[in-house]
Amino acid sequence: MFWRHGYEGASLDDLTRAMGINRPSMYAAFGNKEQLFRAAVARYAEVDMAYAREALAEETAAEVAASLLRRNVESVTRPGRPPGCLTVQGGTACGADNEAVAEFLAASRLAGERQLAERFARAVTDGDLPADADPDALARFVMMVAEGNAVHAAAGVGPEQLLAATEIALSAFVARDAGART
């Protein structure tokens, strides 16, 4: 429900109906709507975003970026799931009363970006990326492509089109790497 309707768009009635429980049971299990949302995001990160953690283990920075972005396209267009990404769509339209939810989601996305930047910094240290590469900017670039894929998937853009755009982004990543080494 959160993924389809966002934090604010998912009513307590929608949530309890989807879980097959009543409100007192939901409150007993999760505390309140925001705590339920945070639990849903944690589960999403653990299961649906596992590909991002796995990508960090690839041997080269280019393989990290390629694995993350190609698998991102698969994830945001997976049949039987809402299109897009829970952490992107879940709170982008929060009002002032739910600013903490939007901040939580932004912090979650930025934590992923920091992990990617740390991996790219290791690539610089290891000589896989040029010494003048900016790990933070590279990580931001990759995350902007991934988040853009999620937004476009939610708007109905299909996996073939997203993958075509992803390949252009990956060629820019590789070109930047090759250009800096010459």
N, C-alpha and C. Protein backbone atom coordinates (compact mmCIF):
# COMPACT_ATOMS: atom_id res chain seq x y z
N MET A 1 0.82 -1.20 0.00
CA MET A 1 0.00 0.00 0.00
C MET A 1 0.87 1.27 0.00
N PHE A 2 1.93 1.26 0.81
CA PHE A 2 2.82 2.42 0.84
C PHE A 2 3.49 2.61 -0.52
N TRP A 3 3.89 1.51 -1.13
CA TRP A 3 4.59 1.57 -2.41
C TRP A 3 3.66 2.10 -3.50
N ARG A 4 2.42 1.63 -3.48
CA ARG A 4 1.46 2.05 -4.50
C ARG A 4 0.94 3.47 -4.27
N HIS A 5 0.70 3.82 -3.01
CA HIS A 5 0.01 5.07 -2.71
C HIS A 5 0.84 6.11 -1.97
N GLY A 6 2.08 5.76 -1.61
CA GLY A 6 2.89 6.67 -0.82
C GLY A 6 2.48 6.63 0.64
N TYR A 7 3.27 7.26 1.47
CA TYR A 7 2.98 7.26 2.90
C TYR A 7 1.64 7.91 3.20
N GLU A 8 1.44 9.11 2.68
CA GLU A 8 0.21 9.83 2.98
C GLU A 8 -1.01 9.23 2.31
N GLY A 9 -0.82 8.66 1.12
CA GLY A 9 -1.96 8.11 0.38
C GLY A 9 -2.46 6.78 0.91
N ALA A 10 -1.68 6.11 1.73
CA ALA A 10 -2.10 4.82 2.30
C ALA A 10 -2.82 5.09 3.62
N SER A 11 -4.13 4.87 3.62
CA SER A 11 -4.91 5.10 4.84
C SER A 11 -4.75 3.93 5.80
N LEU A 12 -5.07 4.17 7.05
CA LEU A 12 -5.03 3.08 8.03
C LEU A 12 -5.98 1.96 7.63
N ASP A 13 -7.14 2.32 7.09
CA ASP A 13 -8.08 1.30 6.63
C ASP A 13 -7.47 0.47 5.51
N ASP A 14 -6.81 1.13 4.55
CA ASP A 14 -6.13 0.41 3.46
C ASP A 14 -5.09 -0.54 4.02
N LEU A 15 -4.29 -0.04 4.94
CA LEU A 15 -3.19 -0.83 5.49
C LEU A 15 -3.69 -2.04 6.27
N THR A 16 -4.65 -1.82 7.15
CA THR A 16 -5.14 -2.95 7.95
C THR A 16 -5.87 -3.97 7.07
N ARG A 17 -6.57 -3.50 6.08
CA ARG A 17 -7.26 -4.41 5.14
C ARG A 17 -6.23 -5.24 4.37
N ALA A 18 -5.17 -4.59 3.90
CA ALA A 18 -4.13 -5.29 3.15
C ALA A 18 -3.41 -6.33 4.01
N MET A 19 -3.24 -6.03 5.29
CA MET A 19 -2.56 -6.96 6.20
C MET A 19 -3.51 -8.00 6.77
N GLY A 20 -4.81 -7.78 6.62
CA GLY A 20 -5.79 -8.72 7.16
C GLY A 20 -5.88 -8.68 8.68
N ILE A 21 -5.64 -7.49 9.24
CA ILE A 21 -5.74 -7.32 10.70
C ILE A 21 -6.56 -6.08 11.00
N ASN A 22 -6.92 -5.92 12.28
CA ASN A 22 -7.66 -4.72 12.66
C ASN A 22 -6.68 -3.67 13.22
N ARG A 23 -7.19 -2.48 13.44
CA ARG A 23 -6.32 -1.38 13.90
C ARG A 23 -5.62 -1.70 15.23
N PRO A 24 -6.36 -2.22 16.24
CA PRO A 24 -5.65 -2.52 17.49
C PRO A 24 -4.49 -3.50 17.28
N SER A 25 -4.68 -4.47 16.40
CA SER A 25 -3.59 -5.43 16.13
C SER A 25 -2.42 -4.74 15.44
N MET A 26 -2.73 -3.82 14.52
CA MET A 26 -1.66 -3.09 13.85
C MET A 26 -0.88 -2.24 14.85
N TYR A 27 -1.62 -1.54 15.73
CA TYR A 27 -0.95 -0.71 16.72
C TYR A 27 -0.12 -1.58 17.68
N ALA A 28 -0.63 -2.73 18.05
CA ALA A 28 0.11 -3.62 18.95
C ALA A 28 1.38 -4.15 18.29
N ALA A 29 1.29 -4.44 17.00
CA ALA A 29 2.44 -5.01 16.29
C ALA A 29 3.46 -3.96 15.88
N PHE A 30 3.00 -2.78 15.47
CA PHE A 30 3.92 -1.81 14.87
C PHE A 30 3.97 -0.47 15.59
N GLY A 31 3.06 -0.18 16.47
CA GLY A 31 3.04 1.10 17.17
C GLY A 31 2.12 2.09 16.50
N ASN A 32 2.53 2.61 15.35
CA ASN A 32 1.70 3.55 14.62
C ASN A 32 2.02 3.45 13.13
N LYS A 33 1.37 4.29 12.35
CA LYS A 33 1.55 4.23 10.89
C LYS A 33 3.00 4.50 10.50
N GLU A 34 3.63 5.48 11.11
CA GLU A 34 5.01 5.79 10.74
C GLU A 34 5.94 4.63 11.08
N GLN A 35 5.74 4.00 12.23
CA GLN A 35 6.58 2.86 12.59
C GLN A 35 6.34 1.69 11.63
N LEU A 36 5.10 1.49 11.21
CA LEU A 36 4.80 0.46 10.22
C LEU A 36 5.52 0.79 8.92
N PHE A 37 5.49 2.05 8.52
CA PHE A 37 6.16 2.47 7.30
C PHE A 37 7.66 2.21 7.38
N ARG A 38 8.26 2.58 8.50
CA ARG A 38 9.69 2.36 8.68
C ARG A 38 10.03 0.86 8.62
N ALA A 39 9.16 0.03 9.18
CA ALA A 39 9.37 -1.42 9.11
C ALA A 39 9.24 -1.91 7.67
N ALA A 40 8.29 -1.35 6.94
CA ALA A 40 8.12 -1.73 5.53
C ALA A 40 9.34 -1.32 4.71
N VAL A 41 9.89 -0.15 4.98
CA VAL A 41 11.07 0.31 4.26
C VAL A 41 12.27 -0.57 4.61
N ALA A 42 12.41 -0.94 5.87
CA ALA A 42 13.51 -1.81 6.27
C ALA A 42 13.42 -3.16 5.57
N ARG A 43 12.22 -3.71 5.49
CA ARG A 43 12.02 -4.98 4.79
C ARG A 43 12.31 -4.82 3.29
N TYR A 44 11.86 -3.73 2.72
CA TYR A 44 12.11 -3.44 1.32
C TYR A 44 13.62 -3.37 1.06
N ALA A 45 14.34 -2.68 1.93
CA ALA A 45 15.80 -2.55 1.77
C ALA A 45 16.47 -3.92 1.87
N GLU A 46 15.99 -4.74 2.78
CA GLU A 46 16.58 -6.06 2.99
C GLU A 46 16.32 -6.99 1.81
N VAL A 47 15.11 -6.99 1.29
CA VAL A 47 14.72 -7.96 0.26
C VAL A 47 14.82 -7.36 -1.14
N ASP A 48 14.09 -6.31 -1.39
CA ASP A 48 13.99 -5.75 -2.75
C ASP A 48 15.22 -4.99 -3.19
N MET A 49 15.99 -4.50 -2.25
CA MET A 49 17.20 -3.75 -2.58
C MET A 49 18.47 -4.57 -2.38
N ALA A 50 18.36 -5.86 -2.18
CA ALA A 50 19.54 -6.72 -1.98
C ALA A 50 20.51 -6.58 -3.14
N TYR A 51 19.99 -6.36 -4.33
CA TYR A 51 20.85 -6.22 -5.51
C TYR A 51 21.86 -5.09 -5.35
N ALA A 52 21.50 -4.03 -4.65
CA ALA A 52 22.40 -2.89 -4.47
C ALA A 52 23.58 -3.29 -3.58
N ARG A 53 23.32 -4.02 -2.51
CA ARG A 53 24.41 -4.50 -1.65
C ARG A 53 25.29 -5.48 -2.41
N GLU A 54 24.68 -6.35 -3.20
CA GLU A 54 25.44 -7.33 -3.97
C GLU A 54 26.32 -6.64 -5.02
N ALA A 55 25.84 -5.57 -5.60
CA ALA A 55 26.62 -4.85 -6.61
C ALA A 55 27.92 -4.30 -6.02
N LEU A 56 27.90 -3.90 -4.76
CA LEU A 56 29.09 -3.34 -4.12
C LEU A 56 30.25 -4.35 -4.06
N ALA A 57 29.95 -5.63 -4.18
CA ALA A 57 30.97 -6.67 -4.11
C ALA A 57 31.62 -6.96 -5.47
N GLU A 58 31.15 -6.33 -6.52
CA GLU A 58 31.74 -6.56 -7.85
C GLU A 58 33.21 -6.13 -7.83
N GLU A 59 34.00 -6.68 -8.74
CA GLU A 59 35.45 -6.47 -8.73
C GLU A 59 35.89 -5.06 -9.11
N THR A 60 35.22 -4.45 -10.08
CA THR A 60 35.65 -3.13 -10.53
C THR A 60 34.52 -2.12 -10.33
N ALA A 61 34.90 -0.86 -10.31
CA ALA A 61 33.91 0.21 -10.17
C ALA A 61 32.91 0.18 -11.32
N ALA A 62 33.40 -0.07 -12.53
CA ALA A 62 32.49 -0.14 -13.68
C ALA A 62 31.51 -1.30 -13.53
N GLU A 63 31.98 -2.42 -13.00
CA GLU A 63 31.07 -3.57 -12.77
C GLU A 63 30.08 -3.28 -11.66
N VAL A 64 30.52 -2.53 -10.65
CA VAL A 64 29.60 -2.11 -9.57
C VAL A 64 28.47 -1.29 -10.18
N ALA A 65 28.83 -0.26 -10.96
CA ALA A 65 27.83 0.62 -11.56
C ALA A 65 26.92 -0.16 -12.50
N ALA A 66 27.49 -1.03 -13.33
CA ALA A 66 26.69 -1.79 -14.29
C ALA A 66 25.73 -2.74 -13.59
N SER A 67 26.21 -3.45 -12.59
CA SER A 67 25.35 -4.38 -11.87
C SER A 67 24.22 -3.63 -11.17
N LEU A 68 24.58 -2.55 -10.47
CA LEU A 68 23.57 -1.80 -9.74
C LEU A 68 22.51 -1.24 -10.68
N LEU A 69 22.92 -0.60 -11.75
CA LEU A 69 21.94 0.06 -12.62
C LEU A 69 21.12 -0.93 -13.45
N ARG A 70 21.73 -1.97 -13.94
CA ARG A 70 20.96 -2.95 -14.73
C ARG A 70 19.97 -3.69 -13.84
N ARG A 71 20.39 -4.05 -12.66
CA ARG A 71 19.48 -4.75 -11.74
C ARG A 71 18.41 -3.80 -11.20
N ASN A 72 18.75 -2.52 -11.12
CA ASN A 72 17.77 -1.51 -10.73
C ASN A 72 16.61 -1.49 -11.73
N VAL A 73 16.94 -1.54 -13.02
CA VAL A 73 15.90 -1.57 -14.05
C VAL A 73 14.99 -2.78 -13.83
N GLU A 74 15.58 -3.94 -13.57
CA GLU A 74 14.78 -5.14 -13.30
C GLU A 74 13.88 -4.92 -12.10
N SER A 75 14.44 -4.33 -11.04
CA SER A 75 13.69 -4.15 -9.80
C SER A 75 12.52 -3.19 -9.95
N VAL A 76 12.75 -2.06 -10.62
CA VAL A 76 11.69 -1.04 -10.69
C VAL A 76 10.61 -1.38 -11.72
N THR A 77 10.84 -2.44 -12.50
CA THR A 77 9.84 -2.85 -13.51
C THR A 77 9.39 -4.30 -13.30
N ARG A 78 9.63 -4.85 -12.13
CA ARG A 78 9.32 -6.26 -11.86
C ARG A 78 7.81 -6.50 -11.93
N PRO A 79 7.41 -7.48 -12.75
CA PRO A 79 5.99 -7.83 -12.82
C PRO A 79 5.48 -8.29 -11.44
N GLY A 80 4.23 -7.95 -11.16
CA GLY A 80 3.62 -8.34 -9.89
C GLY A 80 3.95 -7.41 -8.74
N ARG A 81 4.72 -6.37 -9.01
CA ARG A 81 5.07 -5.37 -8.00
C ARG A 81 4.68 -4.00 -8.52
N PRO A 82 4.47 -3.05 -7.63
CA PRO A 82 4.23 -1.69 -8.12
C PRO A 82 5.46 -1.21 -8.88
N PRO A 83 5.27 -0.46 -9.94
CA PRO A 83 6.45 0.07 -10.64
C PRO A 83 7.13 1.14 -9.79
N GLY A 84 8.42 1.27 -10.00
CA GLY A 84 9.17 2.29 -9.28
C GLY A 84 9.80 1.73 -8.02
N CYS A 85 10.06 2.61 -7.07
CA CYS A 85 10.81 2.28 -5.86
C CYS A 85 10.09 2.85 -4.64
N LEU A 86 9.93 2.03 -3.63
CA LEU A 86 9.26 2.47 -2.41
C LEU A 86 9.95 3.68 -1.80
N THR A 87 11.28 3.69 -1.78
CA THR A 87 11.97 4.80 -1.12
C THR A 87 11.94 6.09 -1.94
N VAL A 88 11.62 5.98 -3.22
CA VAL A 88 11.47 7.18 -4.05
C VAL A 88 10.01 7.62 -4.02
N GLN A 89 9.08 6.70 -4.34
CA GLN A 89 7.67 7.07 -4.41
C GLN A 89 7.00 7.20 -3.05
N GLY A 90 7.55 6.56 -2.03
CA GLY A 90 6.89 6.49 -0.73
C GLY A 90 6.65 7.79 -0.02
N GLY A 91 7.49 8.77 -0.26
CA GLY A 91 7.35 9.99 0.52
C GLY A 91 7.66 11.26 -0.22
N THR A 92 7.68 11.22 -1.53
CA THR A 92 8.02 12.44 -2.26
C THR A 92 6.94 13.51 -2.18
N ALA A 93 5.73 13.12 -1.83
CA ALA A 93 4.65 14.10 -1.78
C ALA A 93 4.14 14.31 -0.35
N CYS A 94 5.01 14.16 0.64
CA CYS A 94 4.59 14.34 2.02
C CYS A 94 4.38 15.81 2.34
N GLY A 95 3.32 16.06 3.09
CA GLY A 95 3.05 17.41 3.55
C GLY A 95 3.86 17.73 4.80
N ALA A 96 3.70 18.92 5.30
CA ALA A 96 4.46 19.40 6.45
C ALA A 96 4.27 18.51 7.68
N ASP A 97 3.08 17.95 7.84
CA ASP A 97 2.81 17.09 9.00
C ASP A 97 3.64 15.82 8.98
N ASN A 98 4.10 15.41 7.81
CA ASN A 98 4.86 14.17 7.68
C ASN A 98 6.28 14.42 7.16
N GLU A 99 6.81 15.57 7.50
CA GLU A 99 8.15 15.92 7.06
C GLU A 99 9.18 14.90 7.54
N ALA A 100 8.96 14.31 8.71
CA ALA A 100 9.90 13.31 9.24
C ALA A 100 9.99 12.10 8.33
N VAL A 101 8.89 11.73 7.69
CA VAL A 101 8.89 10.60 6.77
C VAL A 101 9.72 10.92 5.54
N ALA A 102 9.53 12.09 4.96
CA ALA A 102 10.32 12.50 3.80
C ALA A 102 11.80 12.57 4.15
N GLU A 103 12.12 13.09 5.33
CA GLU A 103 13.52 13.16 5.77
C GLU A 103 14.10 11.77 5.97
N PHE A 104 13.33 10.86 6.53
CA PHE A 104 13.76 9.47 6.73
C PHE A 104 14.09 8.82 5.38
N LEU A 105 13.22 9.01 4.40
CA LEU A 105 13.47 8.42 3.08
C LEU A 105 14.68 9.05 2.40
N ALA A 106 14.82 10.35 2.51
CA ALA A 106 15.99 11.02 1.93
C ALA A 106 17.27 10.51 2.59
N ALA A 107 17.25 10.34 3.91
CA ALA A 107 18.42 9.82 4.62
C ALA A 107 18.72 8.39 4.18
N SER A 108 17.69 7.60 3.95
CA SER A 108 17.89 6.22 3.49
C SER A 108 18.56 6.20 2.13
N ARG A 109 18.07 7.04 1.22
CA ARG A 109 18.68 7.10 -0.11
C ARG A 109 20.12 7.60 -0.04
N LEU A 110 20.36 8.61 0.78
CA LEU A 110 21.72 9.15 0.91
C LEU A 110 22.67 8.15 1.56
N ALA A 111 22.17 7.29 2.43
CA ALA A 111 23.01 6.25 3.03
C ALA A 111 23.49 5.29 1.95
N GLY A 112 22.61 4.94 1.02
CA GLY A 112 23.01 4.10 -0.10
C GLY A 112 24.04 4.79 -0.97
N GLU A 113 23.87 6.07 -1.18
CA GLU A 113 24.83 6.85 -1.98
C GLU A 113 26.19 6.88 -1.28
N ARG A 114 26.20 7.03 0.05
CA ARG A 114 27.46 7.03 0.79
C ARG A 114 28.18 5.68 0.68
N GLN A 115 27.42 4.59 0.74
CA GLN A 115 28.04 3.27 0.58
C GLN A 115 28.68 3.14 -0.80
N LEU A 116 28.00 3.62 -1.80
CA LEU A 116 28.52 3.57 -3.16
C LEU A 116 29.77 4.46 -3.28
N ALA A 117 29.75 5.63 -2.68
CA ALA A 117 30.91 6.53 -2.71
C ALA A 117 32.11 5.88 -2.01
N GLU A 118 31.83 5.20 -0.89
CA GLU A 118 32.92 4.50 -0.19
C GLU A 118 33.52 3.41 -1.07
N ARG A 119 32.67 2.70 -1.81
CA ARG A 119 33.18 1.65 -2.71
C ARG A 119 34.00 2.27 -3.83
N PHE A 120 33.56 3.39 -4.38
CA PHE A 120 34.31 4.06 -5.43
C PHE A 120 35.61 4.65 -4.88
N ALA A 121 35.62 5.10 -3.64
CA ALA A 121 36.86 5.58 -3.02
C ALA A 121 37.87 4.44 -2.91
N ARG A 122 37.39 3.25 -2.56
CA ARG A 122 38.29 2.08 -2.54
C ARG A 122 38.83 1.81 -3.93
N ALA A 123 38.00 2.00 -4.95
CA ALA A 123 38.44 1.79 -6.33
C ALA A 123 39.54 2.78 -6.70
N VAL A 124 39.45 4.01 -6.20
CA VAL A 124 40.51 4.99 -6.44
C VAL A 124 41.79 4.53 -5.75
N THR A 125 41.67 4.14 -4.48
CA THR A 125 42.83 3.66 -3.72
C THR A 125 43.49 2.46 -4.38
N ASP A 126 42.67 1.56 -4.91
CA ASP A 126 43.17 0.33 -5.55
C ASP A 126 43.68 0.56 -6.97
N GLY A 127 43.50 1.76 -7.51
CA GLY A 127 43.93 2.05 -8.87
C GLY A 127 42.94 1.63 -9.93
N ASP A 128 41.77 1.19 -9.52
CA ASP A 128 40.72 0.81 -10.47
C ASP A 128 40.08 2.04 -11.10
N LEU A 129 39.99 3.12 -10.35
CA LEU A 129 39.55 4.42 -10.86
C LEU A 129 40.74 5.36 -10.80
N PRO A 130 40.78 6.36 -11.68
CA PRO A 130 41.90 7.29 -11.67
C PRO A 130 42.00 8.06 -10.35
N ALA A 131 43.20 8.50 -10.03
CA ALA A 131 43.45 9.20 -8.77
C ALA A 131 42.61 10.47 -8.64
N ASP A 132 42.27 11.09 -9.78
CA ASP A 132 41.49 12.34 -9.71
C ASP A 132 39.98 12.10 -9.79
N ALA A 133 39.55 10.85 -9.77
CA ALA A 133 38.11 10.56 -9.80
C ALA A 133 37.47 11.07 -8.51
N ASP A 134 36.27 11.54 -8.62
CA ASP A 134 35.52 12.04 -7.47
C ASP A 134 34.49 10.98 -7.07
N PRO A 135 34.80 10.16 -6.06
CA PRO A 135 33.89 9.08 -5.67
C PRO A 135 32.49 9.56 -5.30
N ASP A 136 32.41 10.71 -4.65
CA ASP A 136 31.10 11.25 -4.26
C ASP A 136 30.27 11.62 -5.48
N ALA A 137 30.89 12.31 -6.45
CA ALA A 137 30.17 12.71 -7.66
C ALA A 137 29.78 11.49 -8.49
N LEU A 138 30.66 10.51 -8.59
CA LEU A 138 30.33 9.28 -9.33
C LEU A 138 29.15 8.56 -8.68
N ALA A 139 29.18 8.46 -7.35
CA ALA A 139 28.08 7.80 -6.64
C ALA A 139 26.77 8.56 -6.84
N ARG A 140 26.84 9.88 -6.77
CA ARG A 140 25.63 10.69 -6.98
C ARG A 140 25.09 10.49 -8.39
N PHE A 141 25.98 10.44 -9.37
CA PHE A 141 25.57 10.22 -10.76
C PHE A 141 24.84 8.88 -10.89
N VAL A 142 25.42 7.81 -10.36
CA VAL A 142 24.80 6.49 -10.45
C VAL A 142 23.45 6.48 -9.73
N MET A 143 23.39 7.09 -8.55
CA MET A 143 22.13 7.12 -7.81
C MET A 143 21.07 7.96 -8.52
N MET A 144 21.49 9.04 -9.16
CA MET A 144 20.52 9.86 -9.90
C MET A 144 19.92 9.06 -11.06
N VAL A 145 20.74 8.26 -11.72
CA VAL A 145 20.21 7.41 -12.79
C VAL A 145 19.25 6.39 -12.22
N ALA A 146 19.63 5.72 -11.12
CA ALA A 146 18.76 4.71 -10.51
C ALA A 146 17.44 5.33 -10.05
N GLU A 147 17.50 6.47 -9.39
CA GLU A 147 16.28 7.13 -8.91
C GLU A 147 15.44 7.63 -10.08
N GLY A 148 16.10 8.11 -11.13
CA GLY A 148 15.38 8.52 -12.34
C GLY A 148 14.68 7.33 -12.99
N ASN A 149 15.33 6.18 -12.99
CA ASN A 149 14.68 4.97 -13.51
C ASN A 149 13.40 4.67 -12.72
N ALA A 150 13.48 4.82 -11.40
CA ALA A 150 12.31 4.54 -10.57
C ALA A 150 11.15 5.49 -10.90
N VAL A 151 11.46 6.76 -11.05
CA VAL A 151 10.43 7.75 -11.38
C VAL A 151 9.81 7.44 -12.74
N HIS A 152 10.64 7.14 -13.72
CA HIS A 152 10.14 6.84 -15.06
C HIS A 152 9.36 5.53 -15.09
N ALA A 153 9.81 4.53 -14.35
CA ALA A 153 9.07 3.26 -14.28
C ALA A 153 7.68 3.50 -13.70
N ALA A 154 7.60 4.31 -12.66
CA ALA A 154 6.30 4.62 -12.05
C ALA A 154 5.40 5.36 -13.03
N ALA A 155 6.00 6.07 -13.98
CA ALA A 155 5.22 6.78 -15.00
C ALA A 155 4.86 5.89 -16.18
N GLY A 156 5.29 4.63 -16.14
CA GLY A 156 4.91 3.69 -17.19
C GLY A 156 5.97 3.37 -18.23
N VAL A 157 7.17 3.91 -18.07
CA VAL A 157 8.24 3.60 -19.02
C VAL A 157 8.68 2.16 -18.78
N GLY A 158 8.82 1.41 -19.86
CA GLY A 158 9.13 -0.01 -19.76
C GLY A 158 10.60 -0.32 -19.58
N PRO A 159 10.90 -1.57 -19.26
CA PRO A 159 12.29 -1.96 -18.99
C PRO A 159 13.23 -1.77 -20.18
N GLU A 160 12.75 -1.98 -21.39
CA GLU A 160 13.62 -1.83 -22.56
C GLU A 160 14.10 -0.39 -22.69
N GLN A 161 13.18 0.55 -22.51
CA GLN A 161 13.54 1.97 -22.62
C GLN A 161 14.46 2.39 -21.46
N LEU A 162 14.17 1.90 -20.27
CA LEU A 162 15.01 2.23 -19.13
C LEU A 162 16.41 1.64 -19.29
N LEU A 163 16.47 0.42 -19.79
CA LEU A 163 17.78 -0.20 -19.99
C LEU A 163 18.58 0.54 -21.06
N ALA A 164 17.92 1.01 -22.12
CA ALA A 164 18.62 1.78 -23.15
C ALA A 164 19.24 3.05 -22.54
N ALA A 165 18.48 3.74 -21.73
CA ALA A 165 19.00 4.96 -21.08
C ALA A 165 20.11 4.61 -20.09
N THR A 166 19.94 3.49 -19.39
CA THR A 166 20.96 3.04 -18.44
C THR A 166 22.28 2.76 -19.15
N GLU A 167 22.20 2.14 -20.31
CA GLU A 167 23.43 1.84 -21.06
C GLU A 167 24.15 3.12 -21.48
N ILE A 168 23.40 4.16 -21.82
CA ILE A 168 24.02 5.46 -22.13
C ILE A 168 24.74 5.99 -20.89
N ALA A 169 24.08 5.90 -19.74
CA ALA A 169 24.71 6.37 -18.50
C ALA A 169 25.97 5.56 -18.19
N LEU A 170 25.90 4.26 -18.41
CA LEU A 170 27.09 3.43 -18.15
C LEU A 170 28.23 3.77 -19.11
N SER A 171 27.90 4.11 -20.35
CA SER A 171 28.97 4.49 -21.28
C SER A 171 29.61 5.80 -20.83
N ALA A 172 28.85 6.70 -20.24
CA ALA A 172 29.41 7.94 -19.70
C ALA A 172 30.32 7.63 -18.51
N PHE A 173 29.91 6.69 -17.67
CA PHE A 173 30.72 6.29 -16.51
C PHE A 173 32.06 5.74 -16.99
N VAL A 174 32.02 4.84 -17.95
CA VAL A 174 33.23 4.22 -18.50
C VAL A 174 34.08 5.25 -19.24
N ALA A 175 33.45 6.13 -20.02
CA ALA A 175 34.19 7.16 -20.75
C ALA A 175 34.91 8.10 -19.80
N ARG A 176 34.28 8.46 -18.70
CA ARG A 176 34.91 9.34 -17.71
C ARG A 176 36.15 8.64 -17.16
N ASP A 177 36.01 7.34 -16.85
CA ASP A 177 37.11 6.55 -16.31
C ASP A 177 38.25 6.48 -17.33
N ALA A 178 37.94 6.15 -18.57
CA ALA A 178 38.97 6.01 -19.60
C ALA A 178 39.63 7.36 -19.91
N GLY A 179 38.84 8.42 -19.96
CA GLY A 179 39.37 9.75 -20.26
C GLY A 179 40.33 10.24 -19.19
N ALA A 180 40.05 9.90 -17.94
CA ALA A 180 40.90 10.36 -16.86
C ALA A 180 42.21 9.57 -16.80
N ARG A 181 42.23 8.36 -17.37
CA ARG A 181 43.44 7.53 -17.31
C ARG A 181 44.43 7.90 -18.41
N THR A 182 43.98 8.56 -19.49
CA THR A 182 44.90 8.85 -20.58
C THR A 182 45.70 10.10 -20.35
